Amino acid sequence: MERMLRIHDELRRGAFTNCTKLAAALEVSRKTIVRDIAFMRDRLDLPVEFDPLINAYRYTHPVAAFPTVNVTEGELLALLVARKALEQYRGTPFHRQLEASFDKLTG
């Protein structure tokens, strides 16, 4: 997700960016960037296209914000219960890793 947010920021700024530049900046393979962009276009419905004239990806029209995840009331309750359950592991070797994972999920 972090990579896609960085790609989104580049595209939103109108930077002429291609897979090679993005892969170098994000320290991943070119194939990973291609998959991320395909996901952004196909699953998140972002208007990303490759422009062969400038050899770069771009948004076809302005995009104000990166799409958010819709969370139901039940899912929010589940997160609250999970957060409370996390406390029983405080002081154990697992606590830091569990807390970091939870923080990733909840932003």
PDB file of N, CA and C in Angstrom:
ATOM      1  N   MET A   1       0.824  -1.189   0.000  1.00  0.00           N
ATOM      2  CA  MET A   1       0.000   0.000   0.000  1.00  0.00           C
ATOM      3  C   MET A   1       0.869   1.254   0.000  1.00  0.00           C
ATOM      4  N   GLU A   2       1.958   1.209   0.782  1.00  0.00           N
ATOM      5  CA  GLU A   2       2.844   2.374   0.854  1.00  0.00           C
ATOM      6  C   GLU A   2       3.408   2.718  -0.521  1.00  0.00           C
ATOM      7  N   ARG A   3       3.791   1.691  -1.283  1.00  0.00           N
ATOM      8  CA  ARG A   3       4.305   1.944  -2.639  1.00  0.00           C
ATOM      9  C   ARG A   3       3.248   2.609  -3.494  1.00  0.00           C
ATOM     10  N   MET A   4       2.027   2.108  -3.425  1.00  0.00           N
ATOM     11  CA  MET A   4       0.965   2.681  -4.252  1.00  0.00           C
ATOM     12  C   MET A   4       0.674   4.125  -3.866  1.00  0.00           C
ATOM     13  N   LEU A   5       0.779   4.444  -2.596  1.00  0.00           N
ATOM     14  CA  LEU A   5       0.607   5.838  -2.176  1.00  0.00           C
ATOM     15  C   LEU A   5       1.705   6.718  -2.758  1.00  0.00           C
ATOM     16  N   ARG A   6       2.931   6.205  -2.782  1.00  0.00           N
ATOM     17  CA  ARG A   6       4.036   6.981  -3.366  1.00  0.00           C
ATOM     18  C   ARG A   6       3.848   7.141  -4.866  1.00  0.00           C
ATOM     19  N   ILE A   7       3.405   6.073  -5.535  1.00  0.00           N
ATOM     20  CA  ILE A   7       3.131   6.157  -6.974  1.00  0.00           C
ATOM     21  C   ILE A   7       2.030   7.181  -7.217  1.00  0.00           C
ATOM     22  N   HIS A   8       0.975   7.113  -6.422  1.00  0.00           N
ATOM     23  CA  HIS A   8      -0.129   8.069  -6.536  1.00  0.00           C
ATOM     24  C   HIS A   8       0.374   9.505  -6.391  1.00  0.00           C
ATOM     25  N   ASP A   9       1.215   9.747  -5.407  1.00  0.00           N
ATOM     26  CA  ASP A   9       1.744  11.102  -5.206  1.00  0.00           C
ATOM     27  C   ASP A   9       2.520  11.585  -6.427  1.00  0.00           C
ATOM     28  N   GLU A  10       3.326  10.702  -7.000  1.00  0.00           N
ATOM     29  CA  GLU A  10       4.085  11.071  -8.201  1.00  0.00           C
ATOM     30  C   GLU A  10       3.142  11.407  -9.359  1.00  0.00           C
ATOM     31  N   LEU A  11       2.153  10.560  -9.565  1.00  0.00           N
ATOM     32  CA  LEU A  11       1.211  10.773 -10.668  1.00  0.00           C
ATOM     33  C   LEU A  11       0.370  12.027 -10.442  1.00  0.00           C
ATOM     34  N   ARG A  12      -0.046  12.238  -9.222  1.00  0.00           N
ATOM     35  CA  ARG A  12      -0.879  13.401  -8.900  1.00  0.00           C
ATOM     36  C   ARG A  12      -0.121  14.710  -9.122  1.00  0.00           C
ATOM     37  N   ARG A  13       1.172  14.700  -8.822  1.00  0.00           N
ATOM     38  CA  ARG A  13       1.990  15.893  -9.026  1.00  0.00           C
ATOM     39  C   ARG A  13       2.245  16.171 -10.504  1.00  0.00           C
ATOM     40  N   GLY A  14       1.925  15.185 -11.348  1.00  0.00           N
ATOM     41  CA  GLY A  14       2.169  15.362 -12.774  1.00  0.00           C
ATOM     42  C   GLY A  14       3.599  15.062 -13.167  1.00  0.00           C
ATOM     43  N   ALA A  15       4.324  14.391 -12.273  1.00  0.00           N
ATOM     44  CA  ALA A  15       5.711  14.030 -12.571  1.00  0.00           C
ATOM     45  C   ALA A  15       5.721  12.990 -13.689  1.00  0.00           C
ATOM     46  N   PHE A  16       6.624  13.162 -14.629  1.00  0.00           N
ATOM     47  CA  PHE A  16       6.763  12.167 -15.694  1.00  0.00           C
ATOM     48  C   PHE A  16       7.545  10.996 -15.117  1.00  0.00           C
ATOM     49  N   THR A  17       6.821   9.948 -14.785  1.00  0.00           N
ATOM     50  CA  THR A  17       7.461   8.834 -14.107  1.00  0.00           C
ATOM     51  C   THR A  17       7.178   7.529 -14.825  1.00  0.00           C
ATOM     52  N   ASN A  18       8.208   6.714 -14.933  1.00  0.00           N
ATOM     53  CA  ASN A  18       8.029   5.410 -15.564  1.00  0.00           C
ATOM     54  C   ASN A  18       8.422   4.323 -14.569  1.00  0.00           C
ATOM     55  N   CYS A  19       8.239   3.074 -14.968  1.00  0.00           N
ATOM     56  CA  CYS A  19       8.474   1.957 -14.054  1.00  0.00           C
ATOM     57  C   CYS A  19       9.921   1.887 -13.591  1.00  0.00           C
ATOM     58  N   THR A  20      10.844   2.189 -14.478  1.00  0.00           N
ATOM     59  CA  THR A  20      12.256   2.118 -14.119  1.00  0.00           C
ATOM     60  C   THR A  20      12.593   3.126 -13.027  1.00  0.00           C
ATOM     61  N   LYS A  21      12.128   4.353 -13.180  1.00  0.00           N
ATOM     62  CA  LYS A  21      12.388   5.389 -12.168  1.00  0.00           C
ATOM     63  C   LYS A  21      11.710   5.039 -10.844  1.00  0.00           C
ATOM     64  N   LEU A  22      10.463   4.595 -10.921  1.00  0.00           N
ATOM     65  CA  LEU A  22       9.743   4.238  -9.701  1.00  0.00           C
ATOM     66  C   LEU A  22      10.397   3.058  -8.992  1.00  0.00           C
ATOM     67  N   ALA A  23      10.801   2.050  -9.757  1.00  0.00           N
ATOM     68  CA  ALA A  23      11.439   0.873  -9.166  1.00  0.00           C
ATOM     69  C   ALA A  23      12.724   1.266  -8.442  1.00  0.00           C
ATOM     70  N   ALA A  24      13.508   2.141  -9.043  1.00  0.00           N
ATOM     71  CA  ALA A  24      14.748   2.588  -8.401  1.00  0.00           C
ATOM     72  C   ALA A  24      14.447   3.386  -7.137  1.00  0.00           C
ATOM     73  N   ALA A  25      13.489   4.283  -7.213  1.00  0.00           N
ATOM     74  CA  ALA A  25      13.154   5.126  -6.063  1.00  0.00           C
ATOM     75  C   ALA A  25      12.577   4.318  -4.902  1.00  0.00           C
ATOM     76  N   LEU A  26      11.798   3.287  -5.230  1.00  0.00           N
ATOM     77  CA  LEU A  26      11.127   2.493  -4.196  1.00  0.00           C
ATOM     78  C   LEU A  26      11.880   1.213  -3.841  1.00  0.00           C
ATOM     79  N   GLU A  27      13.017   0.993  -4.522  1.00  0.00           N
ATOM     80  CA  GLU A  27      13.876  -0.163  -4.265  1.00  0.00           C
ATOM     81  C   GLU A  27      13.146  -1.497  -4.415  1.00  0.00           C
ATOM     82  N   VAL A  28      12.405  -1.609  -5.513  1.00  0.00           N
ATOM     83  CA  VAL A  28      11.726  -2.857  -5.861  1.00  0.00           C
ATOM     84  C   VAL A  28      11.977  -3.127  -7.341  1.00  0.00           C
ATOM     85  N   SER A  29      11.496  -4.256  -7.816  1.00  0.00           N
ATOM     86  CA  SER A  29      11.684  -4.581  -9.228  1.00  0.00           C
ATOM     87  C   SER A  29      10.686  -3.822 -10.100  1.00  0.00           C
ATOM     88  N   ARG A  30      11.030  -3.733 -11.361  1.00  0.00           N
ATOM     89  CA  ARG A  30      10.139  -3.101 -12.342  1.00  0.00           C
ATOM     90  C   ARG A  30       8.805  -3.852 -12.398  1.00  0.00           C
ATOM     91  N   LYS A  31       8.870  -5.195 -12.310  1.00  0.00           N
ATOM     92  CA  LYS A  31       7.649  -6.015 -12.349  1.00  0.00           C
ATOM     93  C   LYS A  31       6.711  -5.675 -11.188  1.00  0.00           C
ATOM     94  N   THR A  32       7.278  -5.387 -10.027  1.00  0.00           N
ATOM     95  CA  THR A  32       6.461  -5.019  -8.868  1.00  0.00           C
ATOM     96  C   THR A  32       5.710  -3.727  -9.143  1.00  0.00           C
ATOM     97  N   ILE A  33       6.386  -2.763  -9.746  1.00  0.00           N
ATOM     98  CA  ILE A  33       5.742  -1.489 -10.075  1.00  0.00           C
ATOM     99  C   ILE A  33       4.632  -1.710 -11.099  1.00  0.00           C
ATOM    100  N   VAL A  34       4.891  -2.543 -12.094  1.00  0.00           N
ATOM    101  CA  VAL A  34       3.867  -2.841 -13.108  1.00  0.00           C
ATOM    102  C   VAL A  34       2.635  -3.439 -12.435  1.00  0.00           C
ATOM    103  N   ARG A  35       2.836  -4.376 -11.504  1.00  0.00           N
ATOM    104  CA  ARG A  35       1.704  -4.989 -10.786  1.00  0.00           C
ATOM    105  C   ARG A  35       0.967  -3.957  -9.935  1.00  0.00           C
ATOM    106  N   ASP A  36       1.721  -3.093  -9.249  1.00  0.00           N
ATOM    107  CA  ASP A  36       1.088  -2.055  -8.426  1.00  0.00           C
ATOM    108  C   ASP A  36       0.227  -1.126  -9.274  1.00  0.00           C
ATOM    109  N   ILE A  37       0.754  -0.697 -10.403  1.00  0.00           N
ATOM    110  CA  ILE A  37       0.002   0.212 -11.276  1.00  0.00           C
ATOM    111  C   ILE A  37      -1.229  -0.489 -11.842  1.00  0.00           C
ATOM    112  N   ALA A  38      -1.086  -1.753 -12.212  1.00  0.00           N
ATOM    113  CA  ALA A  38      -2.241  -2.510 -12.715  1.00  0.00           C
ATOM    114  C   ALA A  38      -3.313  -2.624 -11.627  1.00  0.00           C
ATOM    115  N   PHE A  39      -2.907  -2.864 -10.388  1.00  0.00           N
ATOM    116  CA  PHE A  39      -3.858  -2.936  -9.279  1.00  0.00           C
ATOM    117  C   PHE A  39      -4.559  -1.595  -9.090  1.00  0.00           C
ATOM    118  N   MET A  40      -3.786  -0.521  -9.139  1.00  0.00           N
ATOM    119  CA  MET A  40      -4.368   0.816  -8.976  1.00  0.00           C
ATOM    120  C   MET A  40      -5.402   1.092 -10.064  1.00  0.00           C
ATOM    121  N   ARG A  41      -5.094   0.706 -11.276  1.00  0.00           N
ATOM    122  CA  ARG A  41      -5.994   0.952 -12.403  1.00  0.00           C
ATOM    123  C   ARG A  41      -7.206   0.014 -12.368  1.00  0.00           C
ATOM    124  N   ASP A  42      -6.943  -1.280 -12.199  1.00  0.00           N
ATOM    125  CA  ASP A  42      -8.001  -2.282 -12.349  1.00  0.00           C
ATOM    126  C   ASP A  42      -8.858  -2.487 -11.103  1.00  0.00           C
ATOM    127  N   ARG A  43      -8.268  -2.396  -9.928  1.00  0.00           N
ATOM    128  CA  ARG A  43      -9.011  -2.683  -8.705  1.00  0.00           C
ATOM    129  C   ARG A  43      -9.453  -1.429  -7.955  1.00  0.00           C
ATOM    130  N   LEU A  44      -8.632  -0.371  -8.037  1.00  0.00           N
ATOM    131  CA  LEU A  44      -8.979   0.870  -7.341  1.00  0.00           C
ATOM    132  C   LEU A  44      -9.625   1.886  -8.272  1.00  0.00           C
ATOM    133  N   ASP A  45      -9.747   1.523  -9.543  1.00  0.00           N
ATOM    134  CA  ASP A  45     -10.372   2.379 -10.563  1.00  0.00           C
ATOM    135  C   ASP A  45      -9.725   3.755 -10.680  1.00  0.00           C
ATOM    136  N   LEU A  46      -8.415   3.800 -10.513  1.00  0.00           N
ATOM    137  CA  LEU A  46      -7.702   5.060 -10.714  1.00  0.00           C
ATOM    138  C   LEU A  46      -7.389   5.217 -12.201  1.00  0.00           C
ATOM    139  N   PRO A  47      -7.472   6.434 -12.726  1.00  0.00           N
ATOM    140  CA  PRO A  47      -7.315   6.659 -14.167  1.00  0.00           C
ATOM    141  C   PRO A  47      -5.847   6.714 -14.608  1.00  0.00           C
ATOM    142  N   VAL A  48      -5.131   5.602 -14.452  1.00  0.00           N
ATOM    143  CA  VAL A  48      -3.711   5.538 -14.797  1.00  0.00           C
ATOM    144  C   VAL A  48      -3.567   4.997 -16.211  1.00  0.00           C
ATOM    145  N   GLU A  49      -2.725   5.668 -16.998  1.00  0.00           N
ATOM    146  CA  GLU A  49      -2.417   5.134 -18.326  1.00  0.00           C
ATOM    147  C   GLU A  49      -0.964   5.439 -18.658  1.00  0.00           C
ATOM    148  N   PHE A  50      -0.412   4.608 -19.533  1.00  0.00           N
ATOM    149  CA  PHE A  50       0.950   4.838 -20.008  1.00  0.00           C
ATOM    150  C   PHE A  50       0.874   5.711 -21.244  1.00  0.00           C
ATOM    151  N   ASP A  51       1.669   6.753 -21.272  1.00  0.00           N
ATOM    152  CA  ASP A  51       1.721   7.666 -22.416  1.00  0.00           C
ATOM    153  C   ASP A  51       3.037   7.428 -23.148  1.00  0.00           C
ATOM    154  N   PRO A  52       2.983   6.757 -24.302  1.00  0.00           N
ATOM    155  CA  PRO A  52       4.226   6.443 -25.017  1.00  0.00           C
ATOM    156  C   PRO A  52       4.963   7.682 -25.530  1.00  0.00           C
ATOM    157  N   LEU A  53       4.260   8.785 -25.708  1.00  0.00           N
ATOM    158  CA  LEU A  53       4.920  10.002 -26.190  1.00  0.00           C
ATOM    159  C   LEU A  53       5.919  10.555 -25.176  1.00  0.00           C
ATOM    160  N   ILE A  54       5.618  10.376 -23.905  1.00  0.00           N
ATOM    161  CA  ILE A  54       6.534  10.859 -22.868  1.00  0.00           C
ATOM    162  C   ILE A  54       7.207   9.708 -22.124  1.00  0.00           C
ATOM    163  N   ASN A  55       6.914   8.470 -22.539  1.00  0.00           N
ATOM    164  CA  ASN A  55       7.467   7.267 -21.926  1.00  0.00           C
ATOM    165  C   ASN A  55       7.254   7.276 -20.409  1.00  0.00           C
ATOM    166  N   ALA A  56       6.023   7.571 -20.015  1.00  0.00           N
ATOM    167  CA  ALA A  56       5.731   7.675 -18.587  1.00  0.00           C
ATOM    168  C   ALA A  56       4.255   7.403 -18.324  1.00  0.00           C
ATOM    169  N   TYR A  57       3.972   7.047 -17.075  1.00  0.00           N
ATOM    170  CA  TYR A  57       2.583   6.895 -16.640  1.00  0.00           C
ATOM    171  C   TYR A  57       2.045   8.250 -16.221  1.00  0.00           C
ATOM    172  N   ARG A  58       0.726   8.383 -16.313  1.00  0.00           N
ATOM    173  CA  ARG A  58       0.085   9.625 -15.884  1.00  0.00           C
ATOM    174  C   ARG A  58      -1.372   9.328 -15.566  1.00  0.00           C
ATOM    175  N   TYR A  59      -1.983  10.240 -14.813  1.00  0.00           N
ATOM    176  CA  TYR A  59      -3.421  10.184 -14.608  1.00  0.00           C
ATOM    177  C   TYR A  59      -4.077  10.871 -15.798  1.00  0.00           C
ATOM    178  N   THR A  60      -5.166  10.283 -16.287  1.00  0.00           N
ATOM    179  CA  THR A  60      -5.864  10.868 -17.432  1.00  0.00           C
ATOM    180  C   THR A  60      -6.712  12.063 -17.032  1.00  0.00           C
ATOM    181  N   HIS A  61      -7.041  12.161 -15.754  1.00  0.00           N
ATOM    182  CA  HIS A  61      -7.724  13.338 -15.218  1.00  0.00           C
ATOM    183  C   HIS A  61      -7.347  13.476 -13.743  1.00  0.00           C
ATOM    184  N   PRO A  62      -7.542  14.659 -13.166  1.00  0.00           N
ATOM    185  CA  PRO A  62      -7.112  14.896 -11.783  1.00  0.00           C
ATOM    186  C   PRO A  62      -7.755  13.918 -10.791  1.00  0.00           C
ATOM    187  N   VAL A  63      -6.956  13.499  -9.831  1.00  0.00           N
ATOM    188  CA  VAL A  63      -7.410  12.615  -8.756  1.00  0.00           C
ATOM    189  C   VAL A  63      -7.078  13.316  -7.445  1.00  0.00           C
ATOM    190  N   ALA A  64      -8.094  13.625  -6.683  1.00  0.00           N
ATOM    191  CA  ALA A  64      -7.886  14.389  -5.450  1.00  0.00           C
ATOM    192  C   ALA A  64      -7.238  13.552  -4.352  1.00  0.00           C
ATOM    193  N   ALA A  65      -7.733  12.343  -4.156  1.00  0.00           N
ATOM    194  CA  ALA A  65      -7.246  11.542  -3.031  1.00  0.00           C
ATOM    195  C   ALA A  65      -7.166  10.073  -3.414  1.00  0.00           C
ATOM    196  N   PHE A  66      -6.303   9.372  -2.740  1.00  0.00           N
ATOM    197  CA  PHE A  66      -6.181   7.933  -2.926  1.00  0.00           C
ATOM    198  C   PHE A  66      -7.431   7.283  -2.337  1.00  0.00           C
ATOM    199  N   PRO A  67      -7.995   6.285  -3.014  1.00  0.00           N
ATOM    200  CA  PRO A  67      -9.223   5.649  -2.502  1.00  0.00           C
ATOM    201  C   PRO A  67      -9.009   5.060  -1.105  1.00  0.00           C
ATOM    202  N   THR A  68     -10.016   5.176  -0.284  1.00  0.00           N
ATOM    203  CA  THR A  68      -9.942   4.625   1.066  1.00  0.00           C
ATOM    204  C   THR A  68     -10.660   3.287   1.120  1.00  0.00           C
ATOM    205  N   VAL A  69     -10.420   2.585   2.175  1.00  0.00           N
ATOM    206  CA  VAL A  69     -11.064   1.292   2.382  1.00  0.00           C
ATOM    207  C   VAL A  69     -12.348   1.522   3.162  1.00  0.00           C
ATOM    208  N   ASN A  70     -13.444   0.986   2.664  1.00  0.00           N
ATOM    209  CA  ASN A  70     -14.715   1.079   3.389  1.00  0.00           C
ATOM    210  C   ASN A  70     -14.747   0.013   4.474  1.00  0.00           C
ATOM    211  N   VAL A  71     -15.032   0.429   5.687  1.00  0.00           N
ATOM    212  CA  VAL A  71     -15.062  -0.478   6.827  1.00  0.00           C
ATOM    213  C   VAL A  71     -16.466  -0.463   7.413  1.00  0.00           C
ATOM    214  N   THR A  72     -17.007  -1.656   7.626  1.00  0.00           N
ATOM    215  CA  THR A  72     -18.352  -1.752   8.186  1.00  0.00           C
ATOM    216  C   THR A  72     -18.309  -1.546   9.700  1.00  0.00           C
ATOM    217  N   GLU A  73     -19.471  -1.350  10.282  1.00  0.00           N
ATOM    218  CA  GLU A  73     -19.569  -1.200  11.735  1.00  0.00           C
ATOM    219  C   GLU A  73     -19.071  -2.464  12.438  1.00  0.00           C
ATOM    220  N   GLY A  74     -19.399  -3.613  11.881  1.00  0.00           N
ATOM    221  CA  GLY A  74     -18.944  -4.883  12.454  1.00  0.00           C
ATOM    222  C   GLY A  74     -17.430  -5.024  12.412  1.00  0.00           C
ATOM    223  N   GLU A  75     -16.824  -4.572  11.322  1.00  0.00           N
ATOM    224  CA  GLU A  75     -15.365  -4.631  11.209  1.00  0.00           C
ATOM    225  C   GLU A  75     -14.699  -3.686  12.201  1.00  0.00           C
ATOM    226  N   LEU A  76     -15.299  -2.521  12.415  1.00  0.00           N
ATOM    227  CA  LEU A  76     -14.770  -1.596  13.419  1.00  0.00           C
ATOM    228  C   LEU A  76     -14.841  -2.206  14.817  1.00  0.00           C
ATOM    229  N   LEU A  77     -15.943  -2.876  15.108  1.00  0.00           N
ATOM    230  CA  LEU A  77     -16.086  -3.541  16.400  1.00  0.00           C
ATOM    231  C   LEU A  77     -15.023  -4.630  16.550  1.00  0.00           C
ATOM    232  N   ALA A  78     -14.806  -5.391  15.492  1.00  0.00           N
ATOM    233  CA  ALA A  78     -13.784  -6.442  15.526  1.00  0.00           C
ATOM    234  C   ALA A  78     -12.400  -5.853  15.794  1.00  0.00           C
ATOM    235  N   LEU A  79     -12.093  -4.703  15.197  1.00  0.00           N
ATOM    236  CA  LEU A  79     -10.809  -4.046  15.452  1.00  0.00           C
ATOM    237  C   LEU A  79     -10.689  -3.597  16.907  1.00  0.00           C
ATOM    238  N   LEU A  80     -11.765  -3.093  17.461  1.00  0.00           N
ATOM    239  CA  LEU A  80     -11.762  -2.673  18.861  1.00  0.00           C
ATOM    240  C   LEU A  80     -11.505  -3.865  19.779  1.00  0.00           C
ATOM    241  N   VAL A  81     -12.175  -4.973  19.521  1.00  0.00           N
ATOM    242  CA  VAL A  81     -11.985  -6.182  20.322  1.00  0.00           C
ATOM    243  C   VAL A  81     -10.546  -6.684  20.175  1.00  0.00           C
ATOM    244  N   ALA A  82     -10.025  -6.653  18.960  1.00  0.00           N
ATOM    245  CA  ALA A  82      -8.649  -7.097  18.722  1.00  0.00           C
ATOM    246  C   ALA A  82      -7.657  -6.215  19.474  1.00  0.00           C
ATOM    247  N   ARG A  83      -7.908  -4.922  19.498  1.00  0.00           N
ATOM    248  CA  ARG A  83      -7.023  -3.994  20.211  1.00  0.00           C
ATOM    249  C   ARG A  83      -7.008  -4.310  21.700  1.00  0.00           C
ATOM    250  N   LYS A  84      -8.190  -4.582  22.247  1.00  0.00           N
ATOM    251  CA  LYS A  84      -8.272  -4.937  23.671  1.00  0.00           C
ATOM    252  C   LYS A  84      -7.546  -6.256  23.940  1.00  0.00           C
ATOM    253  N   ALA A  85      -7.689  -7.219  23.045  1.00  0.00           N
ATOM    254  CA  ALA A  85      -7.035  -8.516  23.211  1.00  0.00           C
ATOM    255  C   ALA A  85      -5.516  -8.391  23.141  1.00  0.00           C
ATOM    256  N   LEU A  86      -5.043  -7.434  22.409  1.00  0.00           N
ATOM    257  CA  LEU A  86      -3.606  -7.202  22.270  1.00  0.00           C
ATOM    258  C   LEU A  86      -2.955  -6.904  23.619  1.00  0.00           C
ATOM    259  N   GLU A  87      -3.681  -6.254  24.493  1.00  0.00           N
ATOM    260  CA  GLU A  87      -3.133  -5.856  25.793  1.00  0.00           C
ATOM    261  C   GLU A  87      -2.690  -7.044  26.642  1.00  0.00           C
ATOM    262  N   GLN A  88      -3.298  -8.200  26.453  1.00  0.00           N
ATOM    263  CA  GLN A  88      -2.909  -9.362  27.253  1.00  0.00           C
ATOM    264  C   GLN A  88      -1.498  -9.840  26.927  1.00  0.00           C
ATOM    265  N   TYR A  89      -0.945  -9.372  25.804  1.00  0.00           N
ATOM    266  CA  TYR A  89       0.405  -9.772  25.409  1.00  0.00           C
ATOM    267  C   TYR A  89       1.463  -8.745  25.799  1.00  0.00           C
ATOM    268  N   ARG A  90       1.058  -7.659  26.454  1.00  0.00           N
ATOM    269  CA  ARG A  90       2.021  -6.627  26.876  1.00  0.00           C
ATOM    270  C   ARG A  90       3.100  -7.276  27.751  1.00  0.00           C
ATOM    271  N   GLY A  91       4.345  -6.926  27.462  1.00  0.00           N
ATOM    272  CA  GLY A  91       5.463  -7.481  28.217  1.00  0.00           C
ATOM    273  C   GLY A  91       6.000  -8.790  27.666  1.00  0.00           C
ATOM    274  N   THR A  92       5.353  -9.323  26.646  1.00  0.00           N
ATOM    275  CA  THR A  92       5.842 -10.563  26.030  1.00  0.00           C
ATOM    276  C   THR A  92       6.618 -10.224  24.760  1.00  0.00           C
ATOM    277  N   PRO A  93       7.394 -11.185  24.261  1.00  0.00           N
ATOM    278  CA  PRO A  93       8.144 -10.934  23.023  1.00  0.00           C
ATOM    279  C   PRO A  93       7.235 -10.657  21.816  1.00  0.00           C
ATOM    280  N   PHE A  94       5.995 -11.069  21.896  1.00  0.00           N
ATOM    281  CA  PHE A  94       5.077 -10.904  20.765  1.00  0.00           C
ATOM    282  C   PHE A  94       4.437  -9.523  20.700  1.00  0.00           C
ATOM    283  N   HIS A  95       4.409  -8.827  21.825  1.00  0.00           N
ATOM    284  CA  HIS A  95       3.644  -7.585  21.904  1.00  0.00           C
ATOM    285  C   HIS A  95       4.065  -6.562  20.861  1.00  0.00           C
ATOM    286  N   ARG A  96       5.364  -6.311  20.737  1.00  0.00           N
ATOM    287  CA  ARG A  96       5.820  -5.278  19.804  1.00  0.00           C
ATOM    288  C   ARG A  96       5.419  -5.621  18.366  1.00  0.00           C
ATOM    289  N   GLN A  97       5.604  -6.885  17.982  1.00  0.00           N
ATOM    290  CA  GLN A  97       5.247  -7.287  16.621  1.00  0.00           C
ATOM    291  C   GLN A  97       3.734  -7.223  16.397  1.00  0.00           C
ATOM    292  N   LEU A  98       2.961  -7.678  17.362  1.00  0.00           N
ATOM    293  CA  LEU A  98       1.504  -7.610  17.238  1.00  0.00           C
ATOM    294  C   LEU A  98       1.029  -6.165  17.150  1.00  0.00           C
ATOM    295  N   GLU A  99       1.610  -5.302  17.979  1.00  0.00           N
ATOM    296  CA  GLU A  99       1.210  -3.900  17.965  1.00  0.00           C
ATOM    297  C   GLU A  99       1.578  -3.234  16.637  1.00  0.00           C
ATOM    298  N   ALA A 100       2.756  -3.557  16.111  1.00  0.00           N
ATOM    299  CA  ALA A 100       3.169  -2.995  14.819  1.00  0.00           C
ATOM    300  C   ALA A 100       2.229  -3.459  13.711  1.00  0.00           C
ATOM    301  N   SER A 101       1.843  -4.722  13.747  1.00  0.00           N
ATOM    302  CA  SER A 101       0.910  -5.247  12.743  1.00  0.00           C
ATOM    303  C   SER A 101      -0.444  -4.563  12.855  1.00  0.00           C
ATOM    304  N   PHE A 102      -0.920  -4.398  14.062  1.00  0.00           N
ATOM    305  CA  PHE A 102      -2.206  -3.730  14.279  1.00  0.00           C
ATOM    306  C   PHE A 102      -2.150  -2.289  13.778  1.00  0.00           C
ATOM    307  N   ASP A 103      -1.051  -1.601  14.072  1.00  0.00           N
ATOM    308  CA  ASP A 103      -0.900  -0.217  13.620  1.00  0.00           C
ATOM    309  C   ASP A 103      -0.908  -0.117  12.098  1.00  0.00           C
ATOM    310  N   LYS A 104      -0.322  -1.107  11.427  1.00  0.00           N
ATOM    311  CA  LYS A 104      -0.356  -1.113   9.959  1.00  0.00           C
ATOM    312  C   LYS A 104      -1.789  -1.230   9.449  1.00  0.00           C
ATOM    313  N   LEU A 105      -2.555  -2.083  10.106  1.00  0.00           N
ATOM    314  CA  LEU A 105      -3.938  -2.296   9.679  1.00  0.00           C
ATOM    315  C   LEU A 105      -4.821  -1.085   9.929  1.00  0.00           C
ATOM    316  N   THR A 106      -4.556  -0.396  11.004  1.00  0.00           N
ATOM    317  CA  THR A 106      -5.432   0.710  11.376  1.00  0.00           C
ATOM    318  C   THR A 106      -4.912   2.067  10.936  1.00  0.00           C
ATOM    319  N   GLY A 107      -3.724   2.083  10.361  1.00  0.00           N
ATOM    320  CA  GLY A 107      -3.169   3.334   9.839  1.00  0.00           C
ATOM    321  C   GLY A 107      -2.778   4.236  10.921  1.00  0.00           C
TER     322      GLY A 107
END
